Amino acid sequence: MEEEKLVLGVSGMNMLYIIVIVLIVAWIIYRVYQYIQRKRYANIITEEEFTQGMRKAQVIDLREKNDFDRGHIMGSRNIPLTMLKQRSVEIRSDLPVYLYDQGMMLSTRASKLLSKKGYTDISILKSGYARWTGKTKTKKY
């Protein structure tokens, strides 16, 4: 009886290890897929490059309005990813488009969507808003 418990315990642990390894591999595959998507549809630029080019570009904050109101890059406008399909007509296709969100996940999805709509000059802020050190603005209540 104890041998059965020991065998079941070991096989149960083996199953747990397999599940953990599968999850890690799936996560790595997803991250590689995201990286490929970003490189395919947009340029990834540093904060310095973003700052230098933003005066000639349309800077779009893809976060939801409440996040935007708590703080955003000075000169950006808020078009949440959830509204991008409907509001993409507000973005000129003849000017560069600079996208950012908290990290880069929303920007990756937005760059794919905009690229399919014919936008060609799309850039994503590499560090996202989370690591932005430039000028910001917050909404006063």
N, C-alpha and C. Protein backbone atom coordinates (compact mmCIF):
# COMPACT_ATOMS: atom_id res chain seq x y z
N MET A 1 0.81 -1.19 0.00
CA MET A 1 0.00 0.00 0.00
C MET A 1 0.86 1.26 0.00
N GLU A 2 1.92 1.28 0.82
CA GLU A 2 2.80 2.44 0.86
C GLU A 2 3.53 2.62 -0.46
N GLU A 3 3.89 1.49 -1.11
CA GLU A 3 4.55 1.57 -2.40
C GLU A 3 3.65 2.22 -3.44
N GLU A 4 2.34 1.89 -3.40
CA GLU A 4 1.39 2.50 -4.33
C GLU A 4 1.32 4.00 -4.10
N LYS A 5 1.28 4.43 -2.85
CA LYS A 5 1.24 5.86 -2.53
C LYS A 5 2.51 6.54 -3.02
N LEU A 6 3.65 5.88 -2.83
CA LEU A 6 4.91 6.45 -3.27
C LEU A 6 4.94 6.57 -4.80
N VAL A 7 4.50 5.52 -5.49
CA VAL A 7 4.46 5.56 -6.96
C VAL A 7 3.51 6.64 -7.44
N LEU A 8 2.33 6.73 -6.83
CA LEU A 8 1.36 7.76 -7.22
C LEU A 8 1.92 9.16 -6.92
N GLY A 9 2.59 9.31 -5.81
CA GLY A 9 3.17 10.60 -5.45
C GLY A 9 4.23 11.03 -6.45
N VAL A 10 5.09 10.11 -6.85
CA VAL A 10 6.13 10.43 -7.81
C VAL A 10 5.53 10.73 -9.18
N SER A 11 4.59 9.92 -9.61
CA SER A 11 3.99 10.18 -10.92
C SER A 11 3.18 11.48 -10.90
N GLY A 12 2.57 11.77 -9.75
CA GLY A 12 1.86 13.04 -9.62
C GLY A 12 2.81 14.22 -9.73
N MET A 13 3.99 14.08 -9.10
CA MET A 13 5.00 15.14 -9.19
C MET A 13 5.53 15.25 -10.61
N ASN A 14 5.71 14.11 -11.28
CA ASN A 14 6.16 14.14 -12.67
C ASN A 14 5.15 14.87 -13.54
N MET A 15 3.88 14.61 -13.31
CA MET A 15 2.82 15.27 -14.06
C MET A 15 2.85 16.78 -13.81
N LEU A 16 3.08 17.17 -12.58
CA LEU A 16 3.16 18.59 -12.24
C LEU A 16 4.34 19.24 -12.97
N TYR A 17 5.48 18.57 -12.98
CA TYR A 17 6.64 19.09 -13.70
C TYR A 17 6.35 19.22 -15.18
N ILE A 18 5.70 18.26 -15.74
CA ILE A 18 5.35 18.30 -17.16
C ILE A 18 4.43 19.49 -17.45
N ILE A 19 3.44 19.68 -16.60
CA ILE A 19 2.52 20.81 -16.78
C ILE A 19 3.27 22.13 -16.69
N VAL A 20 4.15 22.26 -15.71
CA VAL A 20 4.93 23.50 -15.55
C VAL A 20 5.81 23.72 -16.78
N ILE A 21 6.47 22.69 -17.25
CA ILE A 21 7.33 22.82 -18.43
C ILE A 21 6.52 23.21 -19.66
N VAL A 22 5.36 22.60 -19.84
CA VAL A 22 4.48 22.94 -20.97
C VAL A 22 4.06 24.40 -20.88
N LEU A 23 3.71 24.85 -19.70
CA LEU A 23 3.31 26.26 -19.53
C LEU A 23 4.47 27.20 -19.83
N ILE A 24 5.65 26.87 -19.39
CA ILE A 24 6.82 27.71 -19.67
C ILE A 24 7.11 27.75 -21.16
N VAL A 25 7.06 26.60 -21.81
CA VAL A 25 7.29 26.55 -23.26
C VAL A 25 6.22 27.34 -24.01
N ALA A 26 4.98 27.21 -23.59
CA ALA A 26 3.88 27.98 -24.22
C ALA A 26 4.11 29.48 -24.05
N TRP A 27 4.54 29.88 -22.86
CA TRP A 27 4.80 31.31 -22.60
C TRP A 27 5.93 31.81 -23.49
N ILE A 28 6.99 31.01 -23.63
CA ILE A 28 8.12 31.41 -24.48
C ILE A 28 7.68 31.52 -25.93
N ILE A 29 6.90 30.57 -26.40
CA ILE A 29 6.39 30.62 -27.78
C ILE A 29 5.53 31.86 -27.99
N TYR A 30 4.69 32.19 -27.02
CA TYR A 30 3.84 33.38 -27.12
C TYR A 30 4.70 34.65 -27.18
N ARG A 31 5.73 34.73 -26.34
CA ARG A 31 6.60 35.91 -26.33
C ARG A 31 7.34 36.05 -27.67
N VAL A 32 7.79 34.96 -28.23
CA VAL A 32 8.46 34.99 -29.53
C VAL A 32 7.48 35.44 -30.60
N TYR A 33 6.25 34.93 -30.55
CA TYR A 33 5.21 35.33 -31.50
C TYR A 33 4.96 36.84 -31.40
N GLN A 34 4.84 37.37 -30.18
CA GLN A 34 4.63 38.80 -29.98
C GLN A 34 5.79 39.61 -30.56
N TYR A 35 7.00 39.14 -30.33
CA TYR A 35 8.19 39.82 -30.84
C TYR A 35 8.16 39.87 -32.38
N ILE A 36 7.83 38.75 -32.99
CA ILE A 36 7.76 38.69 -34.45
C ILE A 36 6.67 39.63 -34.97
N GLN A 37 5.53 39.66 -34.30
CA GLN A 37 4.44 40.55 -34.71
C GLN A 37 4.88 42.01 -34.64
N ARG A 38 5.55 42.38 -33.53
CA ARG A 38 6.02 43.76 -33.38
C ARG A 38 6.98 44.13 -34.50
N LYS A 39 7.94 43.25 -34.78
CA LYS A 39 8.93 43.54 -35.82
C LYS A 39 8.30 43.60 -37.21
N ARG A 40 7.25 42.84 -37.41
CA ARG A 40 6.61 42.78 -38.73
C ARG A 40 5.82 44.05 -39.04
N TYR A 41 5.14 44.59 -38.04
CA TYR A 41 4.21 45.69 -38.30
C TYR A 41 4.70 47.06 -37.85
N ALA A 42 5.75 47.13 -37.04
CA ALA A 42 6.16 48.42 -36.50
C ALA A 42 7.65 48.46 -36.21
N ASN A 43 8.13 49.69 -36.05
CA ASN A 43 9.50 49.90 -35.58
C ASN A 43 9.45 50.03 -34.06
N ILE A 44 10.38 49.41 -33.39
CA ILE A 44 10.47 49.56 -31.94
C ILE A 44 11.51 50.63 -31.69
N ILE A 45 11.11 51.70 -31.00
CA ILE A 45 12.04 52.82 -30.80
C ILE A 45 12.23 53.11 -29.31
N THR A 46 13.39 53.64 -29.00
CA THR A 46 13.72 53.98 -27.62
C THR A 46 13.01 55.27 -27.21
N GLU A 47 13.06 55.56 -25.94
CA GLU A 47 12.44 56.80 -25.45
C GLU A 47 13.09 58.02 -26.09
N GLU A 48 14.39 57.97 -26.29
CA GLU A 48 15.09 59.09 -26.92
C GLU A 48 14.61 59.30 -28.36
N GLU A 49 14.51 58.22 -29.13
CA GLU A 49 14.03 58.31 -30.50
C GLU A 49 12.57 58.78 -30.53
N PHE A 50 11.78 58.28 -29.60
CA PHE A 50 10.38 58.66 -29.49
C PHE A 50 10.27 60.16 -29.25
N THR A 51 11.05 60.66 -28.30
CA THR A 51 11.03 62.09 -27.95
C THR A 51 11.45 62.95 -29.13
N GLN A 52 12.48 62.52 -29.85
CA GLN A 52 12.98 63.30 -30.99
C GLN A 52 11.97 63.38 -32.13
N GLY A 53 11.21 62.31 -32.36
CA GLY A 53 10.30 62.28 -33.51
C GLY A 53 8.86 62.62 -33.22
N MET A 54 8.51 62.75 -31.95
CA MET A 54 7.08 62.88 -31.62
C MET A 54 6.45 64.19 -32.08
N ARG A 55 7.24 65.22 -32.32
CA ARG A 55 6.66 66.49 -32.79
C ARG A 55 6.12 66.38 -34.22
N LYS A 56 6.68 65.45 -34.98
CA LYS A 56 6.26 65.25 -36.36
C LYS A 56 5.33 64.06 -36.51
N ALA A 57 4.97 63.43 -35.40
CA ALA A 57 4.15 62.21 -35.45
C ALA A 57 2.85 62.40 -34.69
N GLN A 58 1.98 61.44 -34.87
CA GLN A 58 0.73 61.37 -34.11
C GLN A 58 0.99 60.40 -32.96
N VAL A 59 0.98 60.91 -31.75
CA VAL A 59 1.29 60.09 -30.58
C VAL A 59 -0.03 59.59 -29.99
N ILE A 60 -0.18 58.26 -29.97
CA ILE A 60 -1.44 57.64 -29.55
C ILE A 60 -1.20 56.80 -28.29
N ASP A 61 -1.95 57.12 -27.25
CA ASP A 61 -1.95 56.33 -26.01
C ASP A 61 -3.09 55.33 -26.13
N LEU A 62 -2.77 54.06 -26.09
CA LEU A 62 -3.75 53.00 -26.32
C LEU A 62 -4.42 52.49 -25.05
N ARG A 63 -4.06 53.05 -23.91
CA ARG A 63 -4.65 52.60 -22.65
C ARG A 63 -6.07 53.15 -22.51
N GLU A 64 -6.81 52.59 -21.60
CA GLU A 64 -8.18 53.06 -21.35
C GLU A 64 -8.16 54.48 -20.78
N LYS A 65 -9.28 55.19 -20.90
CA LYS A 65 -9.36 56.59 -20.52
C LYS A 65 -8.94 56.86 -19.07
N ASN A 66 -9.36 56.02 -18.15
CA ASN A 66 -9.02 56.27 -16.74
C ASN A 66 -7.51 56.19 -16.52
N ASP A 67 -6.82 55.28 -17.21
CA ASP A 67 -5.35 55.21 -17.11
C ASP A 67 -4.72 56.44 -17.75
N PHE A 68 -5.25 56.85 -18.89
CA PHE A 68 -4.77 58.04 -19.58
C PHE A 68 -4.91 59.27 -18.69
N ASP A 69 -6.06 59.40 -18.04
CA ASP A 69 -6.31 60.55 -17.18
C ASP A 69 -5.37 60.60 -15.97
N ARG A 70 -4.95 59.44 -15.49
CA ARG A 70 -4.02 59.40 -14.35
C ARG A 70 -2.62 59.87 -14.73
N GLY A 71 -2.32 59.83 -16.01
CA GLY A 71 -1.02 60.30 -16.47
C GLY A 71 -0.73 59.79 -17.86
N HIS A 72 -0.23 60.69 -18.71
CA HIS A 72 0.10 60.31 -20.09
C HIS A 72 1.23 61.19 -20.61
N ILE A 73 1.82 60.76 -21.70
CA ILE A 73 2.90 61.52 -22.33
C ILE A 73 2.34 62.82 -22.88
N MET A 74 3.02 63.90 -22.55
CA MET A 74 2.60 65.23 -23.00
C MET A 74 2.49 65.25 -24.51
N GLY A 75 1.34 65.68 -25.02
CA GLY A 75 1.12 65.79 -26.46
C GLY A 75 0.45 64.57 -27.08
N SER A 76 0.19 63.56 -26.28
CA SER A 76 -0.44 62.37 -26.84
C SER A 76 -1.96 62.50 -26.77
N ARG A 77 -2.62 61.70 -27.56
CA ARG A 77 -4.08 61.64 -27.48
C ARG A 77 -4.49 60.21 -27.19
N ASN A 78 -5.63 60.10 -26.58
CA ASN A 78 -6.10 58.79 -26.12
C ASN A 78 -7.07 58.17 -27.12
N ILE A 79 -6.65 57.05 -27.69
CA ILE A 79 -7.53 56.21 -28.49
C ILE A 79 -7.33 54.79 -27.95
N PRO A 80 -8.17 54.38 -27.00
CA PRO A 80 -8.00 53.05 -26.42
C PRO A 80 -8.05 51.96 -27.49
N LEU A 81 -7.28 50.92 -27.28
CA LEU A 81 -7.26 49.81 -28.24
C LEU A 81 -8.66 49.28 -28.49
N THR A 82 -9.50 49.28 -27.46
CA THR A 82 -10.87 48.78 -27.60
C THR A 82 -11.69 49.62 -28.58
N MET A 83 -11.27 50.85 -28.84
CA MET A 83 -12.00 51.75 -29.74
C MET A 83 -11.25 52.01 -31.05
N LEU A 84 -10.09 51.40 -31.22
CA LEU A 84 -9.23 51.73 -32.35
C LEU A 84 -9.86 51.44 -33.71
N LYS A 85 -10.57 50.35 -33.85
CA LYS A 85 -11.21 50.04 -35.14
C LYS A 85 -12.17 51.16 -35.54
N GLN A 86 -12.99 51.60 -34.59
CA GLN A 86 -13.98 52.63 -34.89
C GLN A 86 -13.34 54.00 -35.08
N ARG A 87 -12.25 54.26 -34.36
CA ARG A 87 -11.67 55.61 -34.37
C ARG A 87 -10.42 55.72 -35.23
N SER A 88 -10.07 54.68 -35.97
CA SER A 88 -8.85 54.73 -36.79
C SER A 88 -8.92 55.84 -37.85
N VAL A 89 -10.12 56.26 -38.22
CA VAL A 89 -10.25 57.34 -39.21
C VAL A 89 -9.71 58.66 -38.67
N GLU A 90 -9.55 58.77 -37.36
CA GLU A 90 -9.00 59.98 -36.75
C GLU A 90 -7.49 60.05 -36.90
N ILE A 91 -6.87 58.98 -37.33
CA ILE A 91 -5.42 58.91 -37.46
C ILE A 91 -5.05 59.07 -38.93
N ARG A 92 -4.22 60.05 -39.22
CA ARG A 92 -3.80 60.30 -40.60
C ARG A 92 -2.79 59.25 -41.04
N SER A 93 -2.98 58.73 -42.24
CA SER A 93 -2.07 57.70 -42.76
C SER A 93 -0.82 58.28 -43.39
N ASP A 94 -0.81 59.61 -43.63
CA ASP A 94 0.35 60.24 -44.26
C ASP A 94 1.38 60.75 -43.25
N LEU A 95 1.11 60.58 -41.96
CA LEU A 95 2.04 61.00 -40.91
C LEU A 95 2.47 59.78 -40.10
N PRO A 96 3.67 59.85 -39.52
CA PRO A 96 4.09 58.74 -38.66
C PRO A 96 3.14 58.58 -37.47
N VAL A 97 2.97 57.34 -37.05
CA VAL A 97 2.11 57.02 -35.90
C VAL A 97 3.00 56.43 -34.81
N TYR A 98 3.00 57.08 -33.65
CA TYR A 98 3.76 56.60 -32.50
C TYR A 98 2.76 56.04 -31.49
N LEU A 99 2.92 54.78 -31.17
CA LEU A 99 2.01 54.11 -30.25
C LEU A 99 2.70 53.80 -28.93
N TYR A 100 1.91 53.87 -27.86
CA TYR A 100 2.43 53.39 -26.58
C TYR A 100 1.28 52.94 -25.71
N ASP A 101 1.61 52.09 -24.76
CA ASP A 101 0.69 51.67 -23.71
C ASP A 101 1.56 51.43 -22.48
N GLN A 102 1.09 50.68 -21.52
CA GLN A 102 1.87 50.47 -20.31
C GLN A 102 3.16 49.71 -20.60
N GLY A 103 3.08 48.71 -21.45
CA GLY A 103 4.25 47.93 -21.86
C GLY A 103 4.37 48.00 -23.36
N MET A 104 4.10 46.88 -24.04
CA MET A 104 4.05 46.89 -25.50
C MET A 104 2.98 45.96 -26.06
N MET A 105 2.21 45.33 -25.21
CA MET A 105 1.24 44.35 -25.69
C MET A 105 0.13 44.99 -26.51
N LEU A 106 -0.48 46.05 -26.01
CA LEU A 106 -1.55 46.72 -26.74
C LEU A 106 -1.02 47.34 -28.03
N SER A 107 0.18 47.90 -27.95
CA SER A 107 0.79 48.53 -29.12
C SER A 107 1.04 47.52 -30.23
N THR A 108 1.42 46.31 -29.85
CA THR A 108 1.64 45.26 -30.85
C THR A 108 0.35 44.95 -31.59
N ARG A 109 -0.72 44.79 -30.85
CA ARG A 109 -2.02 44.50 -31.47
C ARG A 109 -2.49 45.68 -32.33
N ALA A 110 -2.29 46.89 -31.83
CA ALA A 110 -2.71 48.08 -32.58
C ALA A 110 -1.90 48.25 -33.87
N SER A 111 -0.61 47.96 -33.80
CA SER A 111 0.22 48.11 -35.01
C SER A 111 -0.23 47.14 -36.09
N LYS A 112 -0.61 45.95 -35.70
CA LYS A 112 -1.12 44.97 -36.66
C LYS A 112 -2.41 45.47 -37.29
N LEU A 113 -3.32 45.96 -36.48
CA LEU A 113 -4.60 46.47 -36.97
C LEU A 113 -4.39 47.64 -37.93
N LEU A 114 -3.56 48.61 -37.53
CA LEU A 114 -3.32 49.78 -38.36
C LEU A 114 -2.59 49.41 -39.66
N SER A 115 -1.67 48.50 -39.57
CA SER A 115 -0.95 48.05 -40.76
C SER A 115 -1.90 47.45 -41.78
N LYS A 116 -2.85 46.67 -41.32
CA LYS A 116 -3.83 46.07 -42.21
C LYS A 116 -4.76 47.11 -42.82
N LYS A 117 -4.87 48.28 -42.18
CA LYS A 117 -5.69 49.37 -42.71
C LYS A 117 -4.89 50.29 -43.62
N GLY A 118 -3.62 49.96 -43.86
CA GLY A 118 -2.82 50.73 -44.81
C GLY A 118 -1.80 51.68 -44.21
N TYR A 119 -1.69 51.76 -42.91
CA TYR A 119 -0.69 52.61 -42.28
C TYR A 119 0.67 51.93 -42.41
N THR A 120 1.69 52.72 -42.77
CA THR A 120 3.00 52.11 -43.01
C THR A 120 4.08 52.60 -42.05
N ASP A 121 3.97 53.82 -41.55
CA ASP A 121 5.01 54.38 -40.68
C ASP A 121 4.54 54.32 -39.22
N ILE A 122 4.69 53.14 -38.62
CA ILE A 122 4.21 52.89 -37.25
C ILE A 122 5.41 52.59 -36.35
N SER A 123 5.46 53.26 -35.21
CA SER A 123 6.52 53.00 -34.24
C SER A 123 5.91 52.75 -32.87
N ILE A 124 6.59 51.91 -32.10
CA ILE A 124 6.14 51.56 -30.75
C ILE A 124 7.22 51.96 -29.76
N LEU A 125 6.81 52.61 -28.67
CA LEU A 125 7.73 52.97 -27.60
C LEU A 125 8.20 51.71 -26.90
N LYS A 126 9.50 51.45 -26.96
CA LYS A 126 10.08 50.21 -26.44
C LYS A 126 9.79 49.98 -24.97
N SER A 127 9.95 50.99 -24.16
CA SER A 127 9.80 50.81 -22.72
C SER A 127 8.37 50.98 -22.24
N GLY A 128 7.50 51.47 -23.09
CA GLY A 128 6.12 51.73 -22.68
C GLY A 128 6.04 52.88 -21.70
N TYR A 129 4.83 53.21 -21.32
CA TYR A 129 4.63 54.33 -20.39
C TYR A 129 5.18 54.01 -19.01
N ALA A 130 5.23 52.75 -18.65
CA ALA A 130 5.69 52.34 -17.32
C ALA A 130 7.09 52.86 -17.01
N ARG A 131 7.94 53.00 -18.03
CA ARG A 131 9.32 53.45 -17.80
C ARG A 131 9.60 54.81 -18.42
N TRP A 132 8.58 55.51 -18.82
CA TRP A 132 8.74 56.83 -19.44
C TRP A 132 9.28 57.82 -18.42
N THR A 133 10.32 58.57 -18.82
CA THR A 133 10.91 59.56 -17.91
C THR A 133 10.72 60.99 -18.43
N GLY A 134 10.11 61.13 -19.60
CA GLY A 134 9.90 62.45 -20.19
C GLY A 134 8.72 63.18 -19.56
N LYS A 135 8.30 64.24 -20.23
CA LYS A 135 7.20 65.06 -19.71
C LYS A 135 5.88 64.30 -19.75
N THR A 136 5.12 64.48 -18.69
CA THR A 136 3.81 63.85 -18.60
C THR A 136 2.77 64.88 -18.19
N LYS A 137 1.53 64.50 -18.36
CA LYS A 137 0.43 65.37 -17.97
C LYS A 137 -0.61 64.51 -17.29
N THR A 138 -1.23 65.04 -16.27
CA THR A 138 -2.32 64.34 -15.60
C THR A 138 -3.55 65.22 -15.61
N LYS A 139 -4.69 64.58 -15.59
CA LYS A 139 -5.95 65.33 -15.58
C LYS A 139 -6.27 65.75 -14.15
N LYS A 140 -6.63 67.00 -13.99
CA LYS A 140 -6.99 67.50 -12.66
C LYS A 140 -8.49 67.40 -12.49
N TYR A 141 -8.90 66.88 -11.36
CA TYR A 141 -10.33 66.70 -11.10
C TYR A 141 -10.90 67.81 -10.30
